């Protein structure tokens, strides 16, 4: 009976490791040294089709980061649950250090036009769109593969900590198709 329990335990452990392998991959963020960043930025540009986020101070691009998007990334977000990342011009309107993800910067989505369209259509436009790191339960040095959020923009934890430190409320965010 003891051997059977041990075998069962090893089987469960192997399945768990296999699932982690399917959904996680190593964080391959290039190590420093990168040029020093200013104390704050004033603009973020997200290019959905390129899976790229760039941060700016004035006209100067300071850094580019690879990103993950909503699980159905093509097209603009229309309603809650569609898995799309919204497109347009937004502002950072909140900071959450106690997020279910490693830090999060909230966008002011939905905008009044989104709310009006959803009300006319009889559905919710969704909300809680953030730029954030990996889920808190993901081991350090790992990241979730592919486009996996519900509509947010995800970075590695190292990248998110860097952006968190220099992004004030009011920073403009442009999300392009």
C-alpha atoms as a PDB file:
ATOM      1  CA  UNK A   1       0.000   0.000   0.000  1.00  0.00           C
ATOM      2  CA  UNK A   2       2.869   2.370   0.827  1.00  0.00           C
ATOM      3  CA  UNK A   3       4.468   1.750  -2.583  1.00  0.00           C
ATOM      4  CA  UNK A   4       1.155   2.493  -4.271  1.00  0.00           C
ATOM      5  CA  UNK A   5       0.834   5.807  -2.400  1.00  0.00           C
ATOM      6  CA  UNK A   6       4.405   6.732  -3.310  1.00  0.00           C
ATOM      7  CA  UNK A   7       3.780   5.872  -6.964  1.00  0.00           C
ATOM      8  CA  UNK A   8       0.551   7.888  -6.957  1.00  0.00           C
ATOM      9  CA  UNK A   9       2.352  10.859  -5.365  1.00  0.00           C
ATOM     10  CA  UNK A  10       5.144  10.705  -7.972  1.00  0.00           C
ATOM     11  CA  UNK A  11       2.573  10.517 -10.766  1.00  0.00           C
ATOM     12  CA  UNK A  12       0.752  13.603  -9.451  1.00  0.00           C
ATOM     13  CA  UNK A  13       4.069  15.448  -9.069  1.00  0.00           C
ATOM     14  CA  UNK A  14       5.079  14.569 -12.645  1.00  0.00           C
ATOM     15  CA  UNK A  15       1.715  15.777 -13.990  1.00  0.00           C
ATOM     16  CA  UNK A  16       2.055  19.053 -12.088  1.00  0.00           C
ATOM     17  CA  UNK A  17       5.548  19.629 -13.484  1.00  0.00           C
ATOM     18  CA  UNK A  18       4.257  18.804 -16.962  1.00  0.00           C
ATOM     19  CA  UNK A  19       1.492  21.385 -16.642  1.00  0.00           C
ATOM     20  CA  UNK A  20       3.993  24.014 -15.532  1.00  0.00           C
ATOM     21  CA  UNK A  21       6.098  23.215 -18.599  1.00  0.00           C
ATOM     22  CA  UNK A  22       3.062  23.736 -20.866  1.00  0.00           C
ATOM     23  CA  UNK A  23       2.159  27.155 -19.457  1.00  0.00           C
ATOM     24  CA  UNK A  24       5.429  28.632 -18.193  1.00  0.00           C
ATOM     25  CA  UNK A  25       8.779  29.418 -19.719  1.00  0.00           C
ATOM     26  CA  UNK A  26      11.975  30.977 -18.360  1.00  0.00           C
ATOM     27  CA  UNK A  27      12.105  34.758 -18.163  1.00  0.00           C
ATOM     28  CA  UNK A  28      14.831  35.527 -20.688  1.00  0.00           C
ATOM     29  CA  UNK A  29      14.980  39.257 -19.959  1.00  0.00           C
ATOM     30  CA  UNK A  30      18.453  40.435 -20.962  1.00  0.00           C
ATOM     31  CA  UNK A  31      20.532  41.256 -17.908  1.00  0.00           C
ATOM     32  CA  UNK A  32      21.762  44.770 -17.179  1.00  0.00           C
ATOM     33  CA  UNK A  33      23.609  46.974 -17.948  1.00  0.00           C
ATOM     34  CA  UNK A  34      21.112  49.152 -19.773  1.00  0.00           C
ATOM     35  CA  UNK A  35      21.275  52.941 -19.805  1.00  0.00           C
ATOM     36  CA  UNK A  36      19.906  54.518 -16.649  1.00  0.00           C
ATOM     37  CA  UNK A  37      16.276  55.575 -16.738  1.00  0.00           C
ATOM     38  CA  UNK A  38      14.957  58.981 -15.649  1.00  0.00           C
ATOM     39  CA  UNK A  39      12.925  59.328 -12.479  1.00  0.00           C
ATOM     40  CA  UNK A  40       9.696  59.208 -14.504  1.00  0.00           C
ATOM     41  CA  UNK A  41       8.281  58.754 -17.990  1.00  0.00           C
ATOM     42  CA  UNK A  42       5.381  60.548 -19.652  1.00  0.00           C
ATOM     43  CA  UNK A  43       4.206  58.164 -22.390  1.00  0.00           C
ATOM     44  CA  UNK A  44       3.767  54.462 -23.107  1.00  0.00           C
ATOM     45  CA  UNK A  45       3.116  53.119 -26.610  1.00  0.00           C
ATOM     46  CA  UNK A  46       1.824  49.565 -27.036  1.00  0.00           C
ATOM     47  CA  UNK A  47       1.927  47.950 -30.474  1.00  0.00           C
ATOM     48  CA  UNK A  48      -0.375  44.945 -30.204  1.00  0.00           C
ATOM     49  CA  UNK A  49       0.559  43.327 -33.521  1.00  0.00           C
ATOM     50  CA  UNK A  50       4.274  43.503 -32.676  1.00  0.00           C
ATOM     51  CA  UNK A  51       3.689  42.448 -29.030  1.00  0.00           C
ATOM     52  CA  UNK A  52       5.841  45.410 -28.017  1.00  0.00           C
ATOM     53  CA  UNK A  53       5.615  48.167 -25.421  1.00  0.00           C
ATOM     54  CA  UNK A  54       7.859  51.244 -25.550  1.00  0.00           C
ATOM     55  CA  UNK A  55       8.340  53.876 -22.867  1.00  0.00           C
ATOM     56  CA  UNK A  56       9.116  57.516 -23.635  1.00  0.00           C
ATOM     57  CA  UNK A  57      10.159  60.762 -22.080  1.00  0.00           C
ATOM     58  CA  UNK A  58       9.114  63.453 -24.516  1.00  0.00           C
ATOM     59  CA  UNK A  59      10.066  62.238 -27.999  1.00  0.00           C
ATOM     60  CA  UNK A  60      12.892  60.022 -26.728  1.00  0.00           C
ATOM     61  CA  UNK A  61      12.229  56.286 -26.687  1.00  0.00           C
ATOM     62  CA  UNK A  62      13.896  54.894 -23.575  1.00  0.00           C
ATOM     63  CA  UNK A  63      13.128  51.165 -23.688  1.00  0.00           C
ATOM     64  CA  UNK A  64      11.181  48.477 -25.551  1.00  0.00           C
ATOM     65  CA  UNK A  65       9.688  45.406 -23.916  1.00  0.00           C
ATOM     66  CA  UNK A  66       8.068  42.249 -25.306  1.00  0.00           C
ATOM     67  CA  UNK A  67       4.522  41.835 -23.957  1.00  0.00           C
ATOM     68  CA  UNK A  68       1.647  39.403 -23.685  1.00  0.00           C
ATOM     69  CA  UNK A  69      -1.930  40.511 -24.382  1.00  0.00           C
ATOM     70  CA  UNK A  70      -5.477  39.265 -23.953  1.00  0.00           C
ATOM     71  CA  UNK A  71      -6.157  35.683 -25.038  1.00  0.00           C
ATOM     72  CA  UNK A  72      -7.969  36.942 -28.200  1.00  0.00           C
ATOM     73  CA  UNK A  73      -5.745  39.910 -29.074  1.00  0.00           C
ATOM     74  CA  UNK A  74      -6.907  40.844 -32.591  1.00  0.00           C
ATOM     75  CA  UNK A  75      -9.268  43.802 -32.731  1.00  0.00           C
ATOM     76  CA  UNK A  76     -10.476  46.334 -30.199  1.00  0.00           C
ATOM     77  CA  UNK A  77     -12.084  45.385 -26.895  1.00  0.00           C
ATOM     78  CA  UNK A  78     -15.866  45.578 -27.160  1.00  0.00           C
ATOM     79  CA  UNK A  79     -17.295  43.811 -24.144  1.00  0.00           C
ATOM     80  CA  UNK A  80     -16.413  42.059 -20.947  1.00  0.00           C
ATOM     81  CA  UNK A  81     -15.040  38.575 -21.461  1.00  0.00           C
ATOM     82  CA  UNK A  82     -14.005  38.967 -25.106  1.00  0.00           C
ATOM     83  CA  UNK A  83     -10.312  38.500 -24.247  1.00  0.00           C
ATOM     84  CA  UNK A  84      -9.284  41.557 -26.241  1.00  0.00           C
ATOM     85  CA  UNK A  85      -6.925  44.336 -25.236  1.00  0.00           C
ATOM     86  CA  UNK A  86      -8.505  47.742 -25.897  1.00  0.00           C
ATOM     87  CA  UNK A  87      -7.115  50.099 -28.525  1.00  0.00           C
ATOM     88  CA  UNK A  88      -6.934  53.873 -28.283  1.00  0.00           C
ATOM     89  CA  UNK A  89      -5.575  56.563 -25.995  1.00  0.00           C
ATOM     90  CA  UNK A  90      -5.761  56.096 -22.249  1.00  0.00           C
ATOM     91  CA  UNK A  91      -4.179  57.351 -19.026  1.00  0.00           C
ATOM     92  CA  UNK A  92      -2.712  55.536 -16.056  1.00  0.00           C
ATOM     93  CA  UNK A  93      -5.303  56.264 -13.368  1.00  0.00           C
ATOM     94  CA  UNK A  94      -4.303  53.959 -10.498  1.00  0.00           C
ATOM     95  CA  UNK A  95      -1.432  51.928  -9.075  1.00  0.00           C
ATOM     96  CA  UNK A  96      -1.941  48.641  -7.250  1.00  0.00           C
ATOM     97  CA  UNK A  97       1.005  47.189  -5.326  1.00  0.00           C
ATOM     98  CA  UNK A  98      -1.266  44.477  -3.823  1.00  0.00           C
ATOM     99  CA  UNK A  99      -2.437  43.052  -7.159  1.00  0.00           C
ATOM    100  CA  UNK A 100      -2.907  39.340  -7.930  1.00  0.00           C
ATOM    101  CA  UNK A 101      -0.028  40.001 -10.338  1.00  0.00           C
ATOM    102  CA  UNK A 102       3.388  41.492  -9.689  1.00  0.00           C
ATOM    103  CA  UNK A 103       2.360  45.144  -9.438  1.00  0.00           C
ATOM    104  CA  UNK A 104      -0.220  46.741 -11.716  1.00  0.00           C
ATOM    105  CA  UNK A 105      -0.864  50.083 -13.380  1.00  0.00           C
ATOM    106  CA  UNK A 106      -4.536  50.673 -14.200  1.00  0.00           C
ATOM    107  CA  UNK A 107      -5.837  52.244 -17.401  1.00  0.00           C
ATOM    108  CA  UNK A 108      -8.898  54.506 -17.501  1.00  0.00           C
ATOM    109  CA  UNK A 109     -10.764  52.014 -19.721  1.00  0.00           C
ATOM    110  CA  UNK A 110     -13.687  52.026 -20.374  1.00  0.00           C
ATOM    111  CA  UNK A 111     -13.869  55.525 -21.763  1.00  0.00           C
ATOM    112  CA  UNK A 112     -17.255  57.327 -22.017  1.00  0.00           C
ATOM    113  CA  UNK A 113     -17.697  56.212 -25.665  1.00  0.00           C
ATOM    114  CA  UNK A 114     -17.128  52.565 -24.640  1.00  0.00           C
ATOM    115  CA  UNK A 115     -19.681  52.864 -21.850  1.00  0.00           C
ATOM    116  CA  UNK A 116     -22.240  54.462 -24.195  1.00  0.00           C
ATOM    117  CA  UNK A 117     -21.772  51.769 -26.870  1.00  0.00           C
ATOM    118  CA  UNK A 118     -22.111  48.988 -24.304  1.00  0.00           C
ATOM    119  CA  UNK A 119     -25.217  50.541 -22.747  1.00  0.00           C
ATOM    120  CA  UNK A 120     -26.847  50.800 -26.183  1.00  0.00           C
ATOM    121  CA  UNK A 121     -25.895  47.178 -26.910  1.00  0.00           C
ATOM    122  CA  UNK A 122     -27.110  45.924 -23.530  1.00  0.00           C
ATOM    123  CA  UNK A 123     -23.782  44.492 -22.342  1.00  0.00           C
ATOM    124  CA  UNK A 124     -20.864  45.418 -20.092  1.00  0.00           C
ATOM    125  CA  UNK A 125     -17.799  47.002 -21.723  1.00  0.00           C
ATOM    126  CA  UNK A 126     -15.584  45.321 -19.148  1.00  0.00           C
ATOM    127  CA  UNK A 127     -12.941  47.127 -17.169  1.00  0.00           C
ATOM    128  CA  UNK A 128      -9.954  46.580 -14.929  1.00  0.00           C
ATOM    129  CA  UNK A 129      -7.454  46.786 -17.766  1.00  0.00           C
ATOM    130  CA  UNK A 130      -3.929  46.932 -16.368  1.00  0.00           C
ATOM    131  CA  UNK A 131      -0.288  46.814 -17.305  1.00  0.00           C
ATOM    132  CA  UNK A 132       1.073  44.191 -14.917  1.00  0.00           C
ATOM    133  CA  UNK A 133       3.653  41.516 -14.242  1.00  0.00           C
ATOM    134  CA  UNK A 134       3.172  37.765 -13.922  1.00  0.00           C
ATOM    135  CA  UNK A 135       0.629  36.103 -11.627  1.00  0.00           C
ATOM    136  CA  UNK A 136       1.918  36.065  -8.050  1.00  0.00           C
ATOM    137  CA  UNK A 137       1.900  32.257  -8.037  1.00  0.00           C
ATOM    138  CA  UNK A 138       4.340  31.978 -10.961  1.00  0.00           C
ATOM    139  CA  UNK A 139       7.812  31.073  -9.640  1.00  0.00           C
ATOM    140  CA  UNK A 140      10.513  33.741  -9.840  1.00  0.00           C
ATOM    141  CA  UNK A 141      12.363  33.707 -13.135  1.00  0.00           C
ATOM    142  CA  UNK A 142       9.421  32.197 -15.061  1.00  0.00           C
ATOM    143  CA  UNK A 143       6.653  33.712 -17.174  1.00  0.00           C
ATOM    144  CA  UNK A 144       3.378  32.507 -18.667  1.00  0.00           C
ATOM    145  CA  UNK A 145       3.686  31.595 -22.365  1.00  0.00           C
ATOM    146  CA  UNK A 146       1.788  33.374 -25.138  1.00  0.00           C
ATOM    147  CA  UNK A 147      -1.159  35.763 -24.870  1.00  0.00           C
ATOM    148  CA  UNK A 148      -2.853  34.775 -21.631  1.00  0.00           C
ATOM    149  CA  UNK A 149      -4.474  37.784 -19.950  1.00  0.00           C
ATOM    150  CA  UNK A 150      -8.167  38.667 -19.972  1.00  0.00           C
ATOM    151  CA  UNK A 151      -7.324  41.890 -21.862  1.00  0.00           C
ATOM    152  CA  UNK A 152      -4.417  43.356 -19.907  1.00  0.00           C
ATOM    153  CA  UNK A 153      -0.833  43.950 -20.985  1.00  0.00           C
ATOM    154  CA  UNK A 154       1.656  41.658 -19.232  1.00  0.00           C
ATOM    155  CA  UNK A 155       5.410  41.916 -18.795  1.00  0.00           C
ATOM    156  CA  UNK A 156       7.969  39.904 -16.897  1.00  0.00           C
ATOM    157  CA  UNK A 157       8.254  40.748 -13.215  1.00  0.00           C
ATOM    158  CA  UNK A 158      11.688  42.327 -13.698  1.00  0.00           C
ATOM    159  CA  UNK A 159      10.341  44.597 -16.433  1.00  0.00           C
ATOM    160  CA  UNK A 160       7.231  45.472 -14.431  1.00  0.00           C
ATOM    161  CA  UNK A 161       9.277  46.519 -11.412  1.00  0.00           C
ATOM    162  CA  UNK A 162      11.352  48.788 -13.663  1.00  0.00           C
ATOM    163  CA  UNK A 163       8.262  50.409 -15.212  1.00  0.00           C
ATOM    164  CA  UNK A 164       6.427  50.685 -11.878  1.00  0.00           C
ATOM    165  CA  UNK A 165       9.252  52.783 -10.438  1.00  0.00           C
ATOM    166  CA  UNK A 166       9.045  55.463 -13.162  1.00  0.00           C
ATOM    167  CA  UNK A 167       5.374  55.581 -14.226  1.00  0.00           C
ATOM    168  CA  UNK A 168       3.233  58.161 -12.446  1.00  0.00           C
ATOM    169  CA  UNK A 169      -0.535  58.445 -12.475  1.00  0.00           C
ATOM    170  CA  UNK A 170      -1.527  60.508 -15.509  1.00  0.00           C
ATOM    171  CA  UNK A 171       1.010  58.893 -17.876  1.00  0.00           C
ATOM    172  CA  UNK A 172      -0.515  58.637 -21.356  1.00  0.00           C
ATOM    173  CA  UNK A 173      -0.870  55.182 -22.888  1.00  0.00           C
ATOM    174  CA  UNK A 174      -1.437  54.706 -26.610  1.00  0.00           C
ATOM    175  CA  UNK A 175      -2.524  51.197 -27.629  1.00  0.00           C
ATOM    176  CA  UNK A 176      -2.195  50.592 -31.362  1.00  0.00           C
ATOM    177  CA  UNK A 177      -3.622  47.629 -33.308  1.00  0.00           C
END
